[in-house]
N, C-alpha and C. Protein backbone atom coordinates (compact mmCIF):
# COMPACT_ATOMS: atom_id res chain seq x y z
N MET A 1 50.76 -95.70 3.92
CA MET A 1 51.17 -94.75 4.95
C MET A 1 49.97 -94.56 6.00
N ASP A 2 50.33 -94.65 7.22
CA ASP A 2 49.39 -94.49 8.28
C ASP A 2 49.26 -93.02 8.71
N THR A 3 48.11 -92.40 8.42
CA THR A 3 47.98 -91.08 8.68
C THR A 3 46.84 -90.80 9.67
N ARG A 4 46.81 -91.54 10.72
CA ARG A 4 45.84 -91.49 11.75
C ARG A 4 46.27 -90.30 12.81
N GLY A 5 45.33 -89.74 13.36
CA GLY A 5 45.58 -88.71 14.32
C GLY A 5 44.54 -88.56 15.32
N ILE A 6 44.77 -87.73 16.36
CA ILE A 6 43.81 -87.41 17.36
C ILE A 6 42.78 -86.37 16.78
N PHE A 7 41.50 -86.65 16.93
CA PHE A 7 40.37 -85.81 16.57
C PHE A 7 39.75 -85.49 17.83
N ILE A 8 39.43 -84.21 18.13
CA ILE A 8 38.82 -83.84 19.21
C ILE A 8 37.45 -83.02 19.07
N ASP A 9 36.36 -83.55 19.51
CA ASP A 9 35.13 -82.82 19.51
C ASP A 9 34.87 -82.19 20.79
N TYR A 10 35.43 -80.95 20.95
CA TYR A 10 35.41 -80.30 22.36
C TYR A 10 34.01 -80.04 22.89
N TYR A 11 33.01 -80.15 22.10
CA TYR A 11 31.63 -79.97 22.64
C TYR A 11 31.26 -81.28 23.47
N LYS A 12 31.92 -82.35 23.29
CA LYS A 12 31.59 -83.55 24.07
C LYS A 12 32.42 -83.55 25.37
N CYS A 13 33.51 -82.78 25.47
CA CYS A 13 34.42 -82.76 26.63
C CYS A 13 33.72 -82.17 27.80
N VAL A 14 33.76 -82.87 28.92
CA VAL A 14 33.09 -82.37 30.18
C VAL A 14 34.18 -81.80 31.18
N GLY A 15 35.43 -81.87 30.73
CA GLY A 15 36.56 -81.41 31.57
C GLY A 15 36.93 -82.24 32.74
N CYS A 16 36.63 -83.54 32.65
CA CYS A 16 36.84 -84.43 33.82
C CYS A 16 38.32 -84.67 34.16
N GLY A 17 39.13 -84.53 33.07
CA GLY A 17 40.63 -84.68 33.34
C GLY A 17 41.08 -86.14 33.25
N THR A 18 40.22 -87.01 32.94
CA THR A 18 40.65 -88.47 32.84
C THR A 18 41.76 -88.66 31.71
N CYS A 19 41.63 -87.95 30.68
CA CYS A 19 42.72 -88.05 29.62
C CYS A 19 44.05 -87.65 30.18
N GLU A 20 44.06 -86.53 30.83
CA GLU A 20 45.30 -85.92 31.51
C GLU A 20 45.90 -87.04 32.47
N MET A 21 45.06 -87.52 33.28
CA MET A 21 45.45 -88.53 34.33
C MET A 21 46.09 -89.77 33.78
N VAL A 22 45.36 -90.38 32.83
CA VAL A 22 45.76 -91.58 32.24
C VAL A 22 47.09 -91.40 31.47
N CYS A 23 47.20 -90.28 30.77
CA CYS A 23 48.38 -89.95 29.93
C CYS A 23 49.62 -89.89 30.94
N SER A 24 49.47 -89.13 31.98
CA SER A 24 50.64 -88.92 32.80
C SER A 24 50.99 -90.26 33.57
N LEU A 25 49.91 -91.03 33.88
CA LEU A 25 50.17 -92.28 34.52
C LEU A 25 50.89 -93.26 33.54
N VAL A 26 50.52 -93.34 32.41
CA VAL A 26 51.11 -94.28 31.31
C VAL A 26 52.58 -93.76 31.09
N HIS A 27 52.84 -92.53 30.95
CA HIS A 27 54.17 -91.97 30.52
C HIS A 27 55.05 -91.70 31.73
N GLU A 28 54.53 -91.30 32.83
CA GLU A 28 55.42 -90.86 33.94
C GLU A 28 55.13 -91.61 35.33
N ASN A 29 54.22 -92.59 35.25
CA ASN A 29 53.91 -93.35 36.43
C ASN A 29 53.38 -92.46 37.60
N ALA A 30 52.71 -91.30 37.23
CA ALA A 30 52.17 -90.34 38.22
C ALA A 30 50.92 -89.69 37.63
N CYS A 31 49.98 -89.57 38.52
CA CYS A 31 48.78 -88.81 38.07
C CYS A 31 48.98 -87.33 38.25
N SER A 32 49.42 -86.64 37.17
CA SER A 32 49.71 -85.21 37.24
C SER A 32 49.46 -84.59 35.98
N PRO A 33 48.44 -83.62 35.85
CA PRO A 33 48.15 -82.97 34.63
C PRO A 33 49.45 -82.22 34.07
N ALA A 34 50.29 -81.76 34.93
CA ALA A 34 51.42 -81.05 34.51
C ALA A 34 52.40 -81.94 33.70
N LEU A 35 52.28 -83.26 33.90
CA LEU A 35 53.17 -84.22 33.15
C LEU A 35 52.44 -84.96 31.96
N SER A 36 51.23 -84.51 31.73
CA SER A 36 50.41 -85.08 30.63
C SER A 36 50.80 -84.48 29.29
N ARG A 37 50.64 -85.32 28.36
CA ARG A 37 50.85 -84.94 26.93
C ARG A 37 49.59 -84.31 26.29
N ILE A 38 48.50 -84.48 26.98
CA ILE A 38 47.30 -83.80 26.54
C ILE A 38 46.80 -82.90 27.70
N ARG A 39 46.35 -81.71 27.32
CA ARG A 39 45.96 -80.72 28.34
C ARG A 39 44.54 -80.25 28.15
N ILE A 40 43.74 -80.03 29.01
CA ILE A 40 42.40 -79.48 28.92
C ILE A 40 42.47 -78.02 29.27
N VAL A 41 42.18 -77.19 28.22
CA VAL A 41 42.05 -75.79 28.49
C VAL A 41 40.54 -75.49 28.80
N ARG A 42 40.38 -74.93 30.04
CA ARG A 42 39.03 -74.75 30.51
C ARG A 42 38.64 -73.33 30.40
N TYR A 43 37.56 -73.10 29.69
CA TYR A 43 36.96 -71.74 29.55
C TYR A 43 35.72 -71.71 30.45
N ARG A 44 35.88 -71.42 31.62
CA ARG A 44 34.81 -71.53 32.62
C ARG A 44 33.64 -70.63 32.38
N ARG A 45 33.86 -69.37 31.90
CA ARG A 45 32.78 -68.49 31.62
C ARG A 45 31.85 -69.05 30.56
N GLU A 46 32.47 -69.66 29.48
CA GLU A 46 31.72 -70.18 28.39
C GLU A 46 31.30 -71.63 28.70
N ALA A 47 31.72 -72.20 29.82
CA ALA A 47 31.42 -73.63 30.08
C ALA A 47 31.87 -74.51 28.96
N LEU A 48 33.18 -74.24 28.53
CA LEU A 48 33.78 -74.97 27.42
C LEU A 48 35.10 -75.56 27.92
N ASN A 49 35.34 -76.84 27.53
CA ASN A 49 36.58 -77.49 27.85
C ASN A 49 37.14 -77.97 26.59
N VAL A 50 38.41 -77.73 26.35
CA VAL A 50 39.05 -78.03 25.05
C VAL A 50 40.34 -78.81 25.34
N PRO A 51 40.29 -80.10 25.07
CA PRO A 51 41.47 -80.93 25.16
C PRO A 51 42.41 -80.52 23.97
N VAL A 52 43.69 -80.32 24.32
CA VAL A 52 44.71 -79.97 23.22
C VAL A 52 45.83 -80.90 23.34
N THR A 53 46.48 -81.20 22.22
CA THR A 53 47.70 -82.06 22.19
C THR A 53 48.42 -81.72 20.92
N CYS A 54 49.55 -82.39 20.71
CA CYS A 54 50.42 -82.08 19.58
C CYS A 54 49.62 -82.24 18.23
N ALA A 55 49.86 -81.18 17.37
CA ALA A 55 49.07 -81.28 16.13
C ALA A 55 49.87 -82.06 15.04
N PHE A 56 51.08 -82.52 15.31
CA PHE A 56 51.89 -83.31 14.36
C PHE A 56 51.98 -82.54 13.11
N CYS A 57 52.40 -81.33 13.11
CA CYS A 57 52.53 -80.44 12.04
C CYS A 57 53.29 -81.00 10.89
N GLU A 58 52.85 -80.59 9.63
CA GLU A 58 53.54 -81.06 8.36
C GLU A 58 54.93 -80.43 8.47
N LYS A 59 55.02 -79.17 8.82
CA LYS A 59 56.42 -78.62 8.90
C LYS A 59 56.56 -78.10 10.30
N PRO A 60 56.98 -78.99 11.20
CA PRO A 60 56.96 -78.60 12.63
C PRO A 60 58.02 -77.54 13.00
N PRO A 61 57.62 -76.47 13.57
CA PRO A 61 58.55 -75.44 13.98
C PRO A 61 59.42 -75.90 15.08
N CYS A 62 58.95 -76.79 15.94
CA CYS A 62 59.75 -77.35 17.00
C CYS A 62 60.99 -78.07 16.50
N LEU A 63 60.82 -78.81 15.41
CA LEU A 63 61.87 -79.57 14.76
C LEU A 63 62.96 -78.56 14.23
N ASP A 64 62.53 -77.53 13.55
CA ASP A 64 63.36 -76.48 12.91
C ASP A 64 64.29 -75.79 13.93
N VAL A 65 63.80 -75.56 15.12
CA VAL A 65 64.56 -74.82 16.13
C VAL A 65 65.35 -75.59 17.06
N CYS A 66 65.28 -76.93 17.15
CA CYS A 66 66.06 -77.76 17.99
C CYS A 66 67.48 -77.79 17.62
N PRO A 67 68.39 -77.13 18.49
CA PRO A 67 69.78 -76.97 18.05
C PRO A 67 70.61 -78.34 18.09
N VAL A 68 70.07 -79.39 18.60
CA VAL A 68 70.80 -80.66 18.74
C VAL A 68 70.20 -81.78 18.02
N GLY A 69 69.14 -81.54 17.29
CA GLY A 69 68.49 -82.57 16.45
C GLY A 69 67.74 -83.58 17.35
N ALA A 70 67.27 -83.23 18.49
CA ALA A 70 66.56 -84.20 19.38
C ALA A 70 65.11 -84.39 18.80
N ILE A 71 64.65 -83.56 17.98
CA ILE A 71 63.30 -83.74 17.45
C ILE A 71 63.37 -84.17 16.02
N THR A 72 62.63 -85.20 15.72
CA THR A 72 62.65 -85.83 14.40
C THR A 72 61.20 -86.05 13.84
N LYS A 73 61.10 -86.22 12.59
CA LYS A 73 59.80 -86.43 11.93
C LYS A 73 59.94 -87.66 11.05
N ASN A 74 59.01 -88.58 11.22
CA ASN A 74 58.96 -89.73 10.35
C ASN A 74 58.01 -89.35 9.22
N HIS A 75 58.57 -89.19 8.00
CA HIS A 75 57.76 -88.64 6.82
C HIS A 75 56.73 -89.73 6.37
N GLU A 76 56.92 -90.98 6.74
CA GLU A 76 55.91 -91.93 6.27
C GLU A 76 54.63 -91.90 7.16
N THR A 77 54.84 -91.80 8.49
CA THR A 77 53.72 -91.77 9.36
C THR A 77 53.30 -90.38 9.81
N GLY A 78 54.18 -89.38 9.71
CA GLY A 78 53.90 -88.03 10.07
C GLY A 78 54.22 -87.85 11.63
N ASP A 79 54.70 -88.87 12.27
CA ASP A 79 55.05 -88.79 13.74
C ASP A 79 56.20 -87.86 13.96
N VAL A 80 56.01 -86.95 14.93
CA VAL A 80 57.03 -86.01 15.37
C VAL A 80 57.47 -86.50 16.70
N SER A 81 58.65 -86.80 16.95
CA SER A 81 59.07 -87.41 18.28
C SER A 81 60.35 -86.68 18.79
N ILE A 82 60.49 -86.85 20.11
CA ILE A 82 61.65 -86.27 20.78
C ILE A 82 62.59 -87.44 21.30
N ARG A 83 63.87 -87.30 20.99
CA ARG A 83 64.82 -88.21 21.57
C ARG A 83 65.33 -87.60 22.81
N ALA A 84 64.72 -88.09 23.91
CA ALA A 84 64.98 -87.51 25.25
C ALA A 84 66.49 -87.52 25.59
N GLU A 85 67.24 -88.55 25.11
CA GLU A 85 68.63 -88.61 25.49
C GLU A 85 69.47 -87.52 24.81
N LEU A 86 68.87 -86.95 23.73
CA LEU A 86 69.61 -85.79 23.06
C LEU A 86 69.17 -84.41 23.53
N CYS A 87 68.04 -84.33 24.08
CA CYS A 87 67.44 -83.06 24.61
C CYS A 87 68.34 -82.29 25.63
N ILE A 88 68.62 -81.14 25.32
CA ILE A 88 69.45 -80.33 26.34
C ILE A 88 68.69 -79.39 27.23
N GLY A 89 67.39 -79.40 27.01
CA GLY A 89 66.46 -78.59 27.90
C GLY A 89 66.43 -77.12 27.64
N CYS A 90 66.78 -76.83 26.40
CA CYS A 90 66.85 -75.33 26.13
C CYS A 90 65.45 -74.60 25.98
N ARG A 91 64.47 -75.45 25.76
CA ARG A 91 63.00 -75.03 25.62
C ARG A 91 62.67 -74.24 24.38
N GLN A 92 63.66 -74.22 23.39
CA GLN A 92 63.36 -73.51 22.19
C GLN A 92 62.17 -74.09 21.45
N CYS A 93 61.97 -75.37 21.55
CA CYS A 93 60.78 -76.07 21.02
C CYS A 93 59.47 -75.57 21.61
N SER A 94 59.44 -75.32 22.87
CA SER A 94 58.33 -74.86 23.57
C SER A 94 57.94 -73.55 23.08
N GLN A 95 58.94 -72.68 22.92
CA GLN A 95 58.73 -71.35 22.40
C GLN A 95 58.27 -71.28 20.92
N ALA A 96 58.78 -72.31 20.14
CA ALA A 96 58.48 -72.30 18.73
C ALA A 96 57.15 -72.85 18.40
N CYS A 97 56.53 -73.64 19.25
CA CYS A 97 55.23 -74.26 19.00
C CYS A 97 54.14 -73.27 19.08
N PRO A 98 53.44 -73.06 17.85
CA PRO A 98 52.42 -72.01 17.81
C PRO A 98 51.16 -72.29 18.63
N PHE A 99 51.07 -73.62 18.96
CA PHE A 99 49.84 -74.09 19.66
C PHE A 99 50.09 -74.36 21.16
N GLY A 100 51.35 -74.23 21.64
CA GLY A 100 51.62 -74.58 23.03
C GLY A 100 51.58 -76.00 23.43
N HIS A 101 51.82 -76.90 22.46
CA HIS A 101 51.64 -78.31 22.72
C HIS A 101 52.99 -78.91 23.17
N MET A 102 54.12 -78.23 23.09
CA MET A 102 55.35 -78.76 23.54
C MET A 102 55.47 -78.42 25.09
N ASN A 103 55.75 -79.56 25.82
CA ASN A 103 55.82 -79.43 27.27
C ASN A 103 57.27 -79.58 27.79
N PHE A 104 57.48 -79.17 29.02
CA PHE A 104 58.76 -79.37 29.66
C PHE A 104 58.73 -79.94 30.98
N ASN A 105 59.44 -80.96 31.25
CA ASN A 105 59.58 -81.59 32.54
C ASN A 105 60.76 -81.05 33.23
N ALA A 106 60.52 -80.16 34.21
CA ALA A 106 61.52 -79.46 34.95
C ALA A 106 62.42 -80.41 35.79
N ALA A 107 61.84 -81.45 36.37
CA ALA A 107 62.51 -82.43 37.17
C ALA A 107 63.55 -83.21 36.34
N LYS A 108 63.13 -83.52 35.05
CA LYS A 108 64.10 -84.18 34.19
C LYS A 108 64.97 -83.34 33.34
N GLY A 109 64.45 -82.15 33.19
CA GLY A 109 65.20 -81.21 32.33
C GLY A 109 65.04 -81.50 30.76
N ILE A 110 63.95 -82.07 30.51
CA ILE A 110 63.75 -82.41 28.99
C ILE A 110 62.28 -82.06 28.56
N ALA A 111 62.22 -81.75 27.26
CA ALA A 111 60.95 -81.46 26.66
C ALA A 111 60.14 -82.78 26.39
N PHE A 112 58.85 -82.63 26.31
CA PHE A 112 58.09 -83.86 26.04
C PHE A 112 56.75 -83.50 25.30
N LYS A 113 56.19 -84.34 24.60
CA LYS A 113 55.01 -84.12 23.78
C LYS A 113 54.28 -85.35 23.49
N CYS A 114 53.08 -85.30 22.97
CA CYS A 114 52.33 -86.57 22.62
C CYS A 114 53.07 -87.35 21.64
N ASP A 115 53.06 -88.72 21.94
CA ASP A 115 53.67 -89.66 21.07
C ASP A 115 52.67 -90.64 20.59
N LEU A 116 51.39 -90.37 20.80
CA LEU A 116 50.21 -91.18 20.37
C LEU A 116 50.32 -92.59 20.93
N CYS A 117 51.01 -92.69 22.09
CA CYS A 117 51.16 -93.91 22.82
C CYS A 117 51.60 -95.13 21.79
N GLY A 118 52.45 -94.78 20.91
CA GLY A 118 52.94 -95.83 19.98
C GLY A 118 51.78 -96.23 19.01
N GLY A 119 50.81 -95.48 18.78
CA GLY A 119 49.67 -95.89 17.90
C GLY A 119 48.58 -96.44 18.64
N ASP A 120 48.51 -96.35 19.91
CA ASP A 120 47.38 -96.87 20.74
C ASP A 120 47.12 -95.84 21.89
N PRO A 121 46.61 -94.63 21.47
CA PRO A 121 46.46 -93.57 22.43
C PRO A 121 45.57 -93.88 23.51
N GLN A 122 46.08 -93.81 24.78
CA GLN A 122 45.34 -94.14 25.92
C GLN A 122 44.21 -93.13 26.29
N CYS A 123 44.48 -91.83 25.98
CA CYS A 123 43.48 -90.83 26.18
C CYS A 123 42.13 -91.17 25.45
N VAL A 124 42.35 -91.70 24.26
CA VAL A 124 41.15 -92.11 23.44
C VAL A 124 40.41 -93.27 24.11
N LYS A 125 41.17 -94.28 24.66
CA LYS A 125 40.58 -95.36 25.24
C LYS A 125 39.75 -95.03 26.40
N PHE A 126 40.21 -94.10 27.19
CA PHE A 126 39.57 -93.75 28.48
C PHE A 126 38.68 -92.54 28.44
N CYS A 127 38.52 -91.94 27.32
CA CYS A 127 37.59 -90.86 27.25
C CYS A 127 36.20 -91.31 27.12
N TRP A 128 35.51 -91.29 28.28
CA TRP A 128 34.15 -91.89 28.33
C TRP A 128 33.05 -91.10 27.71
N THR A 129 33.31 -89.94 27.22
CA THR A 129 32.33 -89.01 26.52
C THR A 129 32.58 -89.12 25.02
N GLY A 130 33.64 -89.78 24.63
CA GLY A 130 33.87 -89.83 23.17
C GLY A 130 34.42 -88.65 22.54
N ALA A 131 34.90 -87.67 23.35
CA ALA A 131 35.34 -86.40 22.79
C ALA A 131 36.67 -86.54 22.04
N ILE A 132 37.40 -87.57 22.37
CA ILE A 132 38.75 -87.79 21.85
C ILE A 132 38.67 -89.12 21.01
N GLU A 133 39.05 -89.02 19.70
CA GLU A 133 39.04 -90.14 18.88
C GLU A 133 40.40 -90.22 18.16
N TYR A 134 40.73 -91.46 17.71
CA TYR A 134 41.91 -91.70 16.96
C TYR A 134 41.50 -92.16 15.59
N VAL A 135 41.48 -91.34 14.56
CA VAL A 135 40.88 -91.63 13.29
C VAL A 135 41.90 -91.26 12.21
N ASP A 136 41.59 -91.80 10.93
CA ASP A 136 42.36 -91.38 9.73
C ASP A 136 42.19 -89.87 9.50
N SER A 137 43.31 -89.30 9.28
CA SER A 137 43.32 -87.87 9.14
C SER A 137 42.22 -87.38 8.02
N GLU A 138 42.02 -88.05 7.06
CA GLU A 138 41.06 -87.69 5.96
C GLU A 138 39.62 -87.67 6.58
N ILE A 139 39.36 -88.73 7.39
CA ILE A 139 38.05 -88.82 7.97
C ILE A 139 37.87 -87.61 8.95
N ALA A 140 38.88 -87.27 9.67
CA ALA A 140 38.77 -86.11 10.50
C ALA A 140 38.45 -84.80 9.73
N VAL A 141 39.06 -84.67 8.68
CA VAL A 141 38.73 -83.45 7.77
C VAL A 141 37.23 -83.50 7.33
N ASP A 142 36.92 -84.68 6.85
CA ASP A 142 35.49 -84.82 6.40
C ASP A 142 34.50 -84.54 7.53
N ILE A 143 34.78 -85.00 8.77
CA ILE A 143 33.88 -84.64 9.90
C ILE A 143 33.81 -83.15 10.15
N LYS A 144 34.94 -82.58 10.12
CA LYS A 144 34.97 -81.10 10.35
C LYS A 144 34.17 -80.44 9.27
N ARG A 145 34.30 -80.78 8.06
CA ARG A 145 33.69 -80.11 6.94
C ARG A 145 32.13 -80.32 6.90
N SER A 146 31.75 -81.52 7.42
CA SER A 146 30.28 -81.79 7.29
C SER A 146 29.55 -81.53 8.60
N GLY A 147 29.16 -82.53 9.31
CA GLY A 147 28.28 -82.46 10.48
C GLY A 147 28.87 -81.79 11.58
N PHE A 148 30.18 -81.87 11.79
CA PHE A 148 30.86 -81.31 13.00
C PHE A 148 30.68 -79.77 12.91
N ALA A 149 30.92 -79.17 11.77
CA ALA A 149 30.70 -77.72 11.66
C ALA A 149 29.27 -77.34 12.12
N ASP A 150 28.34 -78.13 11.67
CA ASP A 150 26.84 -77.76 12.03
C ASP A 150 26.67 -77.98 13.47
N SER A 151 27.26 -79.07 14.02
CA SER A 151 27.16 -79.33 15.45
C SER A 151 27.70 -78.16 16.38
N VAL A 152 28.88 -77.70 15.91
CA VAL A 152 29.57 -76.59 16.57
C VAL A 152 28.61 -75.29 16.51
N ARG A 153 28.22 -75.05 15.41
CA ARG A 153 27.38 -73.84 15.20
C ARG A 153 26.02 -73.93 16.04
N GLN A 154 25.47 -75.12 16.14
CA GLN A 154 24.18 -75.31 16.91
C GLN A 154 24.57 -75.15 18.36
N GLN A 155 25.61 -75.65 18.82
CA GLN A 155 25.99 -75.56 20.28
C GLN A 155 26.33 -74.19 20.62
N HIS A 156 26.89 -73.47 19.74
CA HIS A 156 27.35 -72.04 20.06
C HIS A 156 26.09 -71.21 20.14
N GLU A 157 25.05 -71.52 19.35
CA GLU A 157 23.90 -70.72 19.20
C GLU A 157 22.97 -70.88 20.48
N LYS A 158 23.20 -71.98 21.25
CA LYS A 158 22.35 -72.21 22.47
C LYS A 158 22.59 -71.30 23.57
């Protein structure tokens, strides 16, 4: 079972927007943060940039609320995906996502979210600071429990 996912060390993010641009270019053939599957939340006062993307929840609320079954979960890989041809544009999934990771393309009238670029996330490849990584989920948990927590605490104390 492949349980890899996106791991974000937001203290390495400089807010350049490269991840947003490459994502929208790969998926929509346009450089537009509004069409990106990853978004940078910028906290200017704190000088902190936080890239956010789908959490691929174990029990995805977006899947539960979709009235037409356009959202599916692969229980072997953990992938949560949208079948665009079934989406009716009701935006229930956007409202149900507790993290705000479900997006909506008004021009197409459909929801969209991170699909991990089919296992080859382009945001990871083009993140020149190393803030975004594609790692085994267990490794991500270990990083957070060990040195990452210390790194975050040290950065916050500065």
